Amino acid sequence: MRLDTFLKASRMVKRRSKAKELCQHGVVWVNGKVAKPSKEVKPGDIVEIDTVFRYIKFRILALPKAKNIPRKSALRFTEIIEDRKKNLREFLDVT
């Protein structure tokens, strides 16, 4: 399954177009490497999304069979390893 499609289906990102945009800006990594939206993902892959306001790292447990799945079902496709919000001071490195 494509990375951008997985991010949308697993509800890590609200829209596939936003997932594609994040990948194109180089803020999404799969297994430690910057990933394009078309990157094929599989169970066991580690995905990191590092935006200005949030950093999330998770493991893919399974791939959904459909592109649109219920919210409760979406939780079983990923295992959150790290999830932290950032503040603007951290981004600007202001002391």
PDB file of N, CA and C in Angstrom:
ATOM      1  N   MET A   1       0.842  -1.175   0.000  1.00  0.00           N
ATOM      2  CA  MET A   1       0.000   0.000   0.000  1.00  0.00           C
ATOM      3  C   MET A   1       0.893   1.245   0.000  1.00  0.00           C
ATOM      4  N   ARG A   2       0.476   2.259  -0.729  1.00  0.00           N
ATOM      5  CA  ARG A   2       1.224   3.513  -0.780  1.00  0.00           C
ATOM      6  C   ARG A   2       1.221   4.190   0.593  1.00  0.00           C
ATOM      7  N   LEU A   3       2.310   4.875   0.890  1.00  0.00           N
ATOM      8  CA  LEU A   3       2.451   5.569   2.170  1.00  0.00           C
ATOM      9  C   LEU A   3       1.355   6.608   2.371  1.00  0.00           C
ATOM     10  N   ASP A   4       1.103   7.456   1.370  1.00  0.00           N
ATOM     11  CA  ASP A   4       0.088   8.501   1.539  1.00  0.00           C
ATOM     12  C   ASP A   4      -1.302   7.914   1.756  1.00  0.00           C
ATOM     13  N   THR A   5      -1.596   6.829   1.087  1.00  0.00           N
ATOM     14  CA  THR A   5      -2.884   6.157   1.260  1.00  0.00           C
ATOM     15  C   THR A   5      -2.987   5.544   2.655  1.00  0.00           C
ATOM     16  N   PHE A   6      -1.892   4.946   3.133  1.00  0.00           N
ATOM     17  CA  PHE A   6      -1.893   4.361   4.470  1.00  0.00           C
ATOM     18  C   PHE A   6      -2.084   5.426   5.546  1.00  0.00           C
ATOM     19  N   LEU A   7      -1.393   6.549   5.410  1.00  0.00           N
ATOM     20  CA  LEU A   7      -1.519   7.611   6.404  1.00  0.00           C
ATOM     21  C   LEU A   7      -2.955   8.110   6.507  1.00  0.00           C
ATOM     22  N   LYS A   8      -3.642   8.189   5.397  1.00  0.00           N
ATOM     23  CA  LYS A   8      -5.037   8.625   5.393  1.00  0.00           C
ATOM     24  C   LYS A   8      -5.931   7.522   5.962  1.00  0.00           C
ATOM     25  N   ALA A   9      -5.758   6.293   5.506  1.00  0.00           N
ATOM     26  CA  ALA A   9      -6.610   5.182   5.946  1.00  0.00           C
ATOM     27  C   ALA A   9      -6.455   4.902   7.438  1.00  0.00           C
ATOM     28  N   SER A  10      -5.248   5.052   7.958  1.00  0.00           N
ATOM     29  CA  SER A  10      -5.007   4.789   9.384  1.00  0.00           C
ATOM     30  C   SER A  10      -5.341   5.998  10.247  1.00  0.00           C
ATOM     31  N   ARG A  11      -5.762   7.068   9.604  1.00  0.00           N
ATOM     32  CA  ARG A  11      -6.165   8.317  10.267  1.00  0.00           C
ATOM     33  C   ARG A  11      -5.026   9.014  10.995  1.00  0.00           C
ATOM     34  N   MET A  12      -3.817   8.825  10.529  1.00  0.00           N
ATOM     35  CA  MET A  12      -2.682   9.581  11.050  1.00  0.00           C
ATOM     36  C   MET A  12      -2.694  10.983  10.448  1.00  0.00           C
ATOM     37  N   VAL A  13      -3.261  11.107   9.252  1.00  0.00           N
ATOM     38  CA  VAL A  13      -3.427  12.391   8.566  1.00  0.00           C
ATOM     39  C   VAL A  13      -4.867  12.421   8.058  1.00  0.00           C
ATOM     40  N   LYS A  14      -5.499  13.581   8.107  1.00  0.00           N
ATOM     41  CA  LYS A  14      -6.922  13.669   7.760  1.00  0.00           C
ATOM     42  C   LYS A  14      -7.221  13.444   6.281  1.00  0.00           C
ATOM     43  N   ARG A  15      -6.344  13.952   5.413  1.00  0.00           N
ATOM     44  CA  ARG A  15      -6.596  13.842   3.978  1.00  0.00           C
ATOM     45  C   ARG A  15      -5.372  13.274   3.259  1.00  0.00           C
ATOM     46  N   ARG A  16      -5.600  12.520   2.194  1.00  0.00           N
ATOM     47  CA  ARG A  16      -4.499  11.953   1.425  1.00  0.00           C
ATOM     48  C   ARG A  16      -3.657  13.058   0.798  1.00  0.00           C
ATOM     49  N   SER A  17      -4.292  14.137   0.372  1.00  0.00           N
ATOM     50  CA  SER A  17      -3.541  15.239  -0.232  1.00  0.00           C
ATOM     51  C   SER A  17      -2.578  15.861   0.784  1.00  0.00           C
ATOM     52  N   LYS A  18      -2.985  15.934   2.041  1.00  0.00           N
ATOM     53  CA  LYS A  18      -2.113  16.457   3.098  1.00  0.00           C
ATOM     54  C   LYS A  18      -0.959  15.491   3.356  1.00  0.00           C
ATOM     55  N   ALA A  19      -1.230  14.197   3.332  1.00  0.00           N
ATOM     56  CA  ALA A  19      -0.182  13.188   3.508  1.00  0.00           C
ATOM     57  C   ALA A  19       0.842  13.291   2.376  1.00  0.00           C
ATOM     58  N   LYS A  20       0.354  13.476   1.169  1.00  0.00           N
ATOM     59  CA  LYS A  20       1.231  13.626   0.005  1.00  0.00           C
ATOM     60  C   LYS A  20       2.101  14.871   0.150  1.00  0.00           C
ATOM     61  N   GLU A  21       1.494  15.961   0.596  1.00  0.00           N
ATOM     62  CA  GLU A  21       2.216  17.221   0.789  1.00  0.00           C
ATOM     63  C   GLU A  21       3.311  17.076   1.854  1.00  0.00           C
ATOM     64  N   LEU A  22       2.994  16.420   2.958  1.00  0.00           N
ATOM     65  CA  LEU A  22       3.990  16.199   4.010  1.00  0.00           C
ATOM     66  C   LEU A  22       5.181  15.400   3.484  1.00  0.00           C
ATOM     67  N   CYS A  23       4.902  14.370   2.705  1.00  0.00           N
ATOM     68  CA  CYS A  23       5.977  13.554   2.124  1.00  0.00           C
ATOM     69  C   CYS A  23       6.838  14.388   1.171  1.00  0.00           C
ATOM     70  N   GLN A  24       6.208  15.201   0.350  1.00  0.00           N
ATOM     71  CA  GLN A  24       6.933  16.010  -0.618  1.00  0.00           C
ATOM     72  C   GLN A  24       7.805  17.060   0.068  1.00  0.00           C
ATOM     73  N   HIS A  25       7.430  17.480   1.279  1.00  0.00           N
ATOM     74  CA  HIS A  25       8.229  18.453   2.028  1.00  0.00           C
ATOM     75  C   HIS A  25       9.322  17.787   2.858  1.00  0.00           C
ATOM     76  N   GLY A  26       9.417  16.469   2.799  1.00  0.00           N
ATOM     77  CA  GLY A  26      10.501  15.748   3.462  1.00  0.00           C
ATOM     78  C   GLY A  26      10.372  15.611   4.961  1.00  0.00           C
ATOM     79  N   VAL A  27       9.154  15.645   5.488  1.00  0.00           N
ATOM     80  CA  VAL A  27       8.982  15.512   6.934  1.00  0.00           C
ATOM     81  C   VAL A  27       8.470  14.132   7.343  1.00  0.00           C
ATOM     82  N   VAL A  28       8.393  13.202   6.392  1.00  0.00           N
ATOM     83  CA  VAL A  28       7.954  11.839   6.684  1.00  0.00           C
ATOM     84  C   VAL A  28       9.100  10.883   6.359  1.00  0.00           C
ATOM     85  N   TRP A  29       9.418  10.023   7.318  1.00  0.00           N
ATOM     86  CA  TRP A  29      10.463   9.017   7.130  1.00  0.00           C
ATOM     87  C   TRP A  29       9.870   7.635   7.320  1.00  0.00           C
ATOM     88  N   VAL A  30      10.387   6.688   6.556  1.00  0.00           N
ATOM     89  CA  VAL A  30      10.041   5.278   6.740  1.00  0.00           C
ATOM     90  C   VAL A  30      11.348   4.540   6.952  1.00  0.00           C
ATOM     91  N   ASN A  31      11.456   3.870   8.074  1.00  0.00           N
ATOM     92  CA  ASN A  31      12.660   3.122   8.448  1.00  0.00           C
ATOM     93  C   ASN A  31      13.915   3.983   8.367  1.00  0.00           C
ATOM     94  N   GLY A  32      13.807   5.235   8.822  1.00  0.00           N
ATOM     95  CA  GLY A  32      14.959   6.121   8.902  1.00  0.00           C
ATOM     96  C   GLY A  32      15.339   6.840   7.627  1.00  0.00           C
ATOM     97  N   LYS A  33      14.558   6.684   6.563  1.00  0.00           N
ATOM     98  CA  LYS A  33      14.858   7.348   5.295  1.00  0.00           C
ATOM     99  C   LYS A  33      13.670   8.213   4.880  1.00  0.00           C
ATOM    100  N   VAL A  34      13.970   9.386   4.307  1.00  0.00           N
ATOM    101  CA  VAL A  34      12.911  10.256   3.810  1.00  0.00           C
ATOM    102  C   VAL A  34      12.105   9.488   2.770  1.00  0.00           C
ATOM    103  N   ALA A  35      10.779   9.585   2.860  1.00  0.00           N
ATOM    104  CA  ALA A  35       9.918   8.776   1.998  1.00  0.00           C
ATOM    105  C   ALA A  35       9.063   9.637   1.084  1.00  0.00           C
ATOM    106  N   LYS A  36       8.897   9.154  -0.132  1.00  0.00           N
ATOM    107  CA  LYS A  36       8.000   9.785  -1.092  1.00  0.00           C
ATOM    108  C   LYS A  36       6.591   9.257  -0.856  1.00  0.00           C
ATOM    109  N   PRO A  37       5.571   9.977  -1.351  1.00  0.00           N
ATOM    110  CA  PRO A  37       4.190   9.529  -1.139  1.00  0.00           C
ATOM    111  C   PRO A  37       3.910   8.146  -1.726  1.00  0.00           C
ATOM    112  N   SER A  38       4.620   7.789  -2.776  1.00  0.00           N
ATOM    113  CA  SER A  38       4.373   6.511  -3.452  1.00  0.00           C
ATOM    114  C   SER A  38       5.132   5.334  -2.825  1.00  0.00           C
ATOM    115  N   LYS A  39       5.889   5.580  -1.767  1.00  0.00           N
ATOM    116  CA  LYS A  39       6.644   4.514  -1.099  1.00  0.00           C
ATOM    117  C   LYS A  39       5.687   3.419  -0.633  1.00  0.00           C
ATOM    118  N   GLU A  40       6.012   2.192  -0.970  1.00  0.00           N
ATOM    119  CA  GLU A  40       5.194   1.061  -0.542  1.00  0.00           C
ATOM    120  C   GLU A  40       5.561   0.710   0.897  1.00  0.00           C
ATOM    121  N   VAL A  41       4.560   0.657   1.773  1.00  0.00           N
ATOM    122  CA  VAL A  41       4.801   0.310   3.170  1.00  0.00           C
ATOM    123  C   VAL A  41       4.253  -1.085   3.446  1.00  0.00           C
ATOM    124  N   LYS A  42       4.780  -1.682   4.509  1.00  0.00           N
ATOM    125  CA  LYS A  42       4.364  -3.031   4.887  1.00  0.00           C
ATOM    126  C   LYS A  42       4.371  -3.133   6.411  1.00  0.00           C
ATOM    127  N   PRO A  43       3.717  -4.131   6.959  1.00  0.00           N
ATOM    128  CA  PRO A  43       3.742  -4.306   8.411  1.00  0.00           C
ATOM    129  C   PRO A  43       5.183  -4.433   8.918  1.00  0.00           C
ATOM    130  N   GLY A  44       5.446  -3.790  10.042  1.00  0.00           N
ATOM    131  CA  GLY A  44       6.786  -3.795  10.622  1.00  0.00           C
ATOM    132  C   GLY A  44       7.569  -2.532  10.330  1.00  0.00           C
ATOM    133  N   ASP A  45       7.159  -1.760   9.333  1.00  0.00           N
ATOM    134  CA  ASP A  45       7.851  -0.504   9.016  1.00  0.00           C
ATOM    135  C   ASP A  45       7.641   0.506  10.142  1.00  0.00           C
ATOM    136  N   ILE A  46       8.671   1.310  10.397  1.00  0.00           N
ATOM    137  CA  ILE A  46       8.609   2.386  11.373  1.00  0.00           C
ATOM    138  C   ILE A  46       8.462   3.695  10.603  1.00  0.00           C
ATOM    139  N   VAL A  47       7.423   4.450  10.907  1.00  0.00           N
ATOM    140  CA  VAL A  47       7.140   5.710  10.218  1.00  0.00           C
ATOM    141  C   VAL A  47       7.284   6.850  11.226  1.00  0.00           C
ATOM    142  N   GLU A  48       7.931   7.931  10.787  1.00  0.00           N
ATOM    143  CA  GLU A  48       8.077   9.131  11.610  1.00  0.00           C
ATOM    144  C   GLU A  48       7.546  10.326  10.831  1.00  0.00           C
ATOM    145  N   ILE A  49       6.788  11.175  11.513  1.00  0.00           N
ATOM    146  CA  ILE A  49       6.293  12.415  10.923  1.00  0.00           C
ATOM    147  C   ILE A  49       6.740  13.531  11.856  1.00  0.00           C
ATOM    148  N   ASP A  50       7.557  14.444  11.330  1.00  0.00           N
ATOM    149  CA  ASP A  50       8.123  15.516  12.145  1.00  0.00           C
ATOM    150  C   ASP A  50       7.729  16.868  11.559  1.00  0.00           C
ATOM    151  N   THR A  51       6.632  17.426  12.068  1.00  0.00           N
ATOM    152  CA  THR A  51       6.170  18.731  11.604  1.00  0.00           C
ATOM    153  C   THR A  51       6.577  19.801  12.614  1.00  0.00           C
ATOM    154  N   VAL A  52       6.223  21.028  12.345  1.00  0.00           N
ATOM    155  CA  VAL A  52       6.588  22.143  13.214  1.00  0.00           C
ATOM    156  C   VAL A  52       6.003  21.972  14.613  1.00  0.00           C
ATOM    157  N   PHE A  53       4.775  21.480  14.701  1.00  0.00           N
ATOM    158  CA  PHE A  53       4.095  21.420  15.991  1.00  0.00           C
ATOM    159  C   PHE A  53       3.984  20.024  16.606  1.00  0.00           C
ATOM    160  N   ARG A  54       4.356  18.978  15.866  1.00  0.00           N
ATOM    161  CA  ARG A  54       4.173  17.624  16.390  1.00  0.00           C
ATOM    162  C   ARG A  54       5.207  16.666  15.818  1.00  0.00           C
ATOM    163  N   TYR A  55       5.621  15.719  16.656  1.00  0.00           N
ATOM    164  CA  TYR A  55       6.483  14.621  16.214  1.00  0.00           C
ATOM    165  C   TYR A  55       5.785  13.332  16.617  1.00  0.00           C
ATOM    166  N   ILE A  56       5.607  12.438  15.654  1.00  0.00           N
ATOM    167  CA  ILE A  56       4.990  11.152  15.958  1.00  0.00           C
ATOM    168  C   ILE A  56       5.791  10.043  15.271  1.00  0.00           C
ATOM    169  N   LYS A  57       5.987   8.978  16.018  1.00  0.00           N
ATOM    170  CA  LYS A  57       6.713   7.812  15.516  1.00  0.00           C
ATOM    171  C   LYS A  57       5.848   6.599  15.819  1.00  0.00           C
ATOM    172  N   PHE A  58       5.598   5.773  14.805  1.00  0.00           N
ATOM    173  CA  PHE A  58       4.746   4.607  15.008  1.00  0.00           C
ATOM    174  C   PHE A  58       5.183   3.441  14.132  1.00  0.00           C
ATOM    175  N   ARG A  59       4.755   2.259  14.535  1.00  0.00           N
ATOM    176  CA  ARG A  59       5.039   1.023  13.794  1.00  0.00           C
ATOM    177  C   ARG A  59       3.749   0.599  13.098  1.00  0.00           C
ATOM    178  N   ILE A  60       3.876   0.165  11.855  1.00  0.00           N
ATOM    179  CA  ILE A  60       2.727  -0.347  11.115  1.00  0.00           C
ATOM    180  C   ILE A  60       2.524  -1.804  11.527  1.00  0.00           C
ATOM    181  N   LEU A  61       1.342  -2.118  12.044  1.00  0.00           N
ATOM    182  CA  LEU A  61       1.034  -3.479  12.475  1.00  0.00           C
ATOM    183  C   LEU A  61       0.351  -4.288  11.378  1.00  0.00           C
ATOM    184  N   ALA A  62      -0.492  -3.624  10.602  1.00  0.00           N
ATOM    185  CA  ALA A  62      -1.225  -4.297   9.529  1.00  0.00           C
ATOM    186  C   ALA A  62      -1.651  -3.254   8.508  1.00  0.00           C
ATOM    187  N   LEU A  63      -2.015  -3.723   7.333  1.00  0.00           N
ATOM    188  CA  LEU A  63      -2.496  -2.827   6.280  1.00  0.00           C
ATOM    189  C   LEU A  63      -4.002  -2.990   6.138  1.00  0.00           C
ATOM    190  N   PRO A  64      -4.738  -1.889   6.051  1.00  0.00           N
ATOM    191  CA  PRO A  64      -6.192  -1.990   5.872  1.00  0.00           C
ATOM    192  C   PRO A  64      -6.526  -2.533   4.485  1.00  0.00           C
ATOM    193  N   LYS A  65      -7.619  -3.244   4.414  1.00  0.00           N
ATOM    194  CA  LYS A  65      -8.049  -3.802   3.124  1.00  0.00           C
ATOM    195  C   LYS A  65      -8.738  -2.744   2.263  1.00  0.00           C
ATOM    196  N   ALA A  66      -9.344  -1.744   2.916  1.00  0.00           N
ATOM    197  CA  ALA A  66     -10.060  -0.685   2.196  1.00  0.00           C
ATOM    198  C   ALA A  66      -9.414   0.659   2.477  1.00  0.00           C
ATOM    199  N   LYS A  67      -9.704   1.636   1.641  1.00  0.00           N
ATOM    200  CA  LYS A  67      -9.154   2.979   1.820  1.00  0.00           C
ATOM    201  C   LYS A  67      -9.898   3.751   2.906  1.00  0.00           C
ATOM    202  N   ASN A  68     -11.184   3.470   3.084  1.00  0.00           N
ATOM    203  CA  ASN A  68     -11.984   4.139   4.105  1.00  0.00           C
ATOM    204  C   ASN A  68     -12.426   3.118   5.136  1.00  0.00           C
ATOM    205  N   ILE A  69     -11.993   3.328   6.364  1.00  0.00           N
ATOM    206  CA  ILE A  69     -12.332   2.397   7.436  1.00  0.00           C
ATOM    207  C   ILE A  69     -12.879   3.186   8.628  1.00  0.00           C
ATOM    208  N   PRO A  70     -13.658   2.543   9.484  1.00  0.00           N
ATOM    209  CA  PRO A  70     -14.187   3.230  10.660  1.00  0.00           C
ATOM    210  C   PRO A  70     -13.073   3.661  11.608  1.00  0.00           C
ATOM    211  N   ARG A  71     -13.306   4.734  12.335  1.00  0.00           N
ATOM    212  CA  ARG A  71     -12.309   5.293  13.249  1.00  0.00           C
ATOM    213  C   ARG A  71     -11.840   4.273  14.277  1.00  0.00           C
ATOM    214  N   LYS A  72     -12.759   3.510  14.853  1.00  0.00           N
ATOM    215  CA  LYS A  72     -12.382   2.518  15.869  1.00  0.00           C
ATOM    216  C   LYS A  72     -11.482   1.440  15.285  1.00  0.00           C
ATOM    217  N   SER A  73     -11.703   1.076  14.053  1.00  0.00           N
ATOM    218  CA  SER A  73     -10.881   0.056  13.400  1.00  0.00           C
ATOM    219  C   SER A  73      -9.490   0.573  13.052  1.00  0.00           C
ATOM    220  N   ALA A  74      -9.372   1.878  12.836  1.00  0.00           N
ATOM    221  CA  ALA A  74      -8.099   2.467  12.422  1.00  0.00           C
ATOM    222  C   ALA A  74      -7.016   2.305  13.483  1.00  0.00           C
ATOM    223  N   LEU A  75      -7.400   2.231  14.738  1.00  0.00           N
ATOM    224  CA  LEU A  75      -6.429   2.126  15.827  1.00  0.00           C
ATOM    225  C   LEU A  75      -5.616   0.835  15.797  1.00  0.00           C
ATOM    226  N   ARG A  76      -6.152  -0.209  15.207  1.00  0.00           N
ATOM    227  CA  ARG A  76      -5.442  -1.497  15.230  1.00  0.00           C
ATOM    228  C   ARG A  76      -4.349  -1.622  14.168  1.00  0.00           C
ATOM    229  N   PHE A  77      -4.209  -0.628  13.301  1.00  0.00           N
ATOM    230  CA  PHE A  77      -3.214  -0.706  12.236  1.00  0.00           C
ATOM    231  C   PHE A  77      -1.858  -0.132  12.621  1.00  0.00           C
ATOM    232  N   THR A  78      -1.801   0.595  13.735  1.00  0.00           N
ATOM    233  CA  THR A  78      -0.538   1.204  14.148  1.00  0.00           C
ATOM    234  C   THR A  78      -0.293   1.021  15.643  1.00  0.00           C
ATOM    235  N   GLU A  79       0.978   1.088  16.009  1.00  0.00           N
ATOM    236  CA  GLU A  79       1.392   1.081  17.408  1.00  0.00           C
ATOM    237  C   GLU A  79       2.233   2.338  17.610  1.00  0.00           C
ATOM    238  N   ILE A  80       1.766   3.252  18.437  1.00  0.00           N
ATOM    239  CA  ILE A  80       2.470   4.507  18.677  1.00  0.00           C
ATOM    240  C   ILE A  80       3.704   4.234  19.530  1.00  0.00           C
ATOM    241  N   ILE A  81       4.861   4.671  19.040  1.00  0.00           N
ATOM    242  CA  ILE A  81       6.112   4.537  19.773  1.00  0.00           C
ATOM    243  C   ILE A  81       6.397   5.828  20.529  1.00  0.00           C
ATOM    244  N   GLU A  82       6.220   6.959  19.839  1.00  0.00           N
ATOM    245  CA  GLU A  82       6.437   8.262  20.460  1.00  0.00           C
ATOM    246  C   GLU A  82       5.490   9.274  19.826  1.00  0.00           C
ATOM    247  N   ASP A  83       4.915  10.123  20.662  1.00  0.00           N
ATOM    248  CA  ASP A  83       4.013  11.162  20.183  1.00  0.00           C
ATOM    249  C   ASP A  83       4.168  12.356  21.114  1.00  0.00           C
ATOM    250  N   ARG A  84       4.706  13.444  20.575  1.00  0.00           N
ATOM    251  CA  ARG A  84       4.873  14.629  21.404  1.00  0.00           C
ATOM    252  C   ARG A  84       4.545  15.881  20.613  1.00  0.00           C
ATOM    253  N   LYS A  85       3.936  16.796  21.330  1.00  0.00           N
ATOM    254  CA  LYS A  85       3.640  18.097  20.735  1.00  0.00           C
ATOM    255  C   LYS A  85       4.845  18.990  20.967  1.00  0.00           C
ATOM    256  N   LYS A  86       5.082  19.873  20.026  1.00  0.00           N
ATOM    257  CA  LYS A  86       6.166  20.839  20.135  1.00  0.00           C
ATOM    258  C   LYS A  86       5.550  22.212  20.372  1.00  0.00           C
ATOM    259  N   ASN A  87       6.328  23.096  20.935  1.00  0.00           N
ATOM    260  CA  ASN A  87       5.861  24.462  21.037  1.00  0.00           C
ATOM    261  C   ASN A  87       6.710  25.339  20.111  1.00  0.00           C
ATOM    262  N   LEU A  88       6.272  26.531  19.886  1.00  0.00           N
ATOM    263  CA  LEU A  88       6.942  27.419  18.941  1.00  0.00           C
ATOM    264  C   LEU A  88       8.362  27.740  19.407  1.00  0.00           C
ATOM    265  N   ARG A  89       8.573  27.822  20.691  1.00  0.00           N
ATOM    266  CA  ARG A  89       9.924  28.124  21.207  1.00  0.00           C
ATOM    267  C   ARG A  89      10.907  27.014  20.842  1.00  0.00           C
ATOM    268  N   GLU A  90      10.452  25.777  20.919  1.00  0.00           N
ATOM    269  CA  GLU A  90      11.305  24.649  20.539  1.00  0.00           C
ATOM    270  C   GLU A  90      11.684  24.746  19.061  1.00  0.00           C
ATOM    271  N   PHE A  91      10.704  25.106  18.227  1.00  0.00           N
ATOM    272  CA  PHE A  91      10.944  25.212  16.785  1.00  0.00           C
ATOM    273  C   PHE A  91      11.923  26.332  16.484  1.00  0.00           C
ATOM    274  N   LEU A  92      11.761  27.475  17.134  1.00  0.00           N
ATOM    275  CA  LEU A  92      12.634  28.613  16.886  1.00  0.00           C
ATOM    276  C   LEU A  92      13.920  28.550  17.684  1.00  0.00           C
ATOM    277  N   ASP A  93      14.012  27.623  18.638  1.00  0.00           N
ATOM    278  CA  ASP A  93      15.165  27.450  19.507  1.00  0.00           C
ATOM    279  C   ASP A  93      15.464  28.747  20.261  1.00  0.00           C
ATOM    280  N   VAL A  94      14.397  29.343  20.830  1.00  0.00           N
ATOM    281  CA  VAL A  94      14.508  30.573  21.601  1.00  0.00           C
ATOM    282  C   VAL A  94      14.697  30.204  23.063  1.00  0.00           C
ATOM    283  N   THR A  95      15.649  30.862  23.730  1.00  0.00           N
ATOM    284  CA  THR A  95      15.860  30.580  25.145  1.00  0.00           C
ATOM    285  C   THR A  95      15.445  31.738  26.011  1.00  0.00           C
TER     286      THR A  95
END
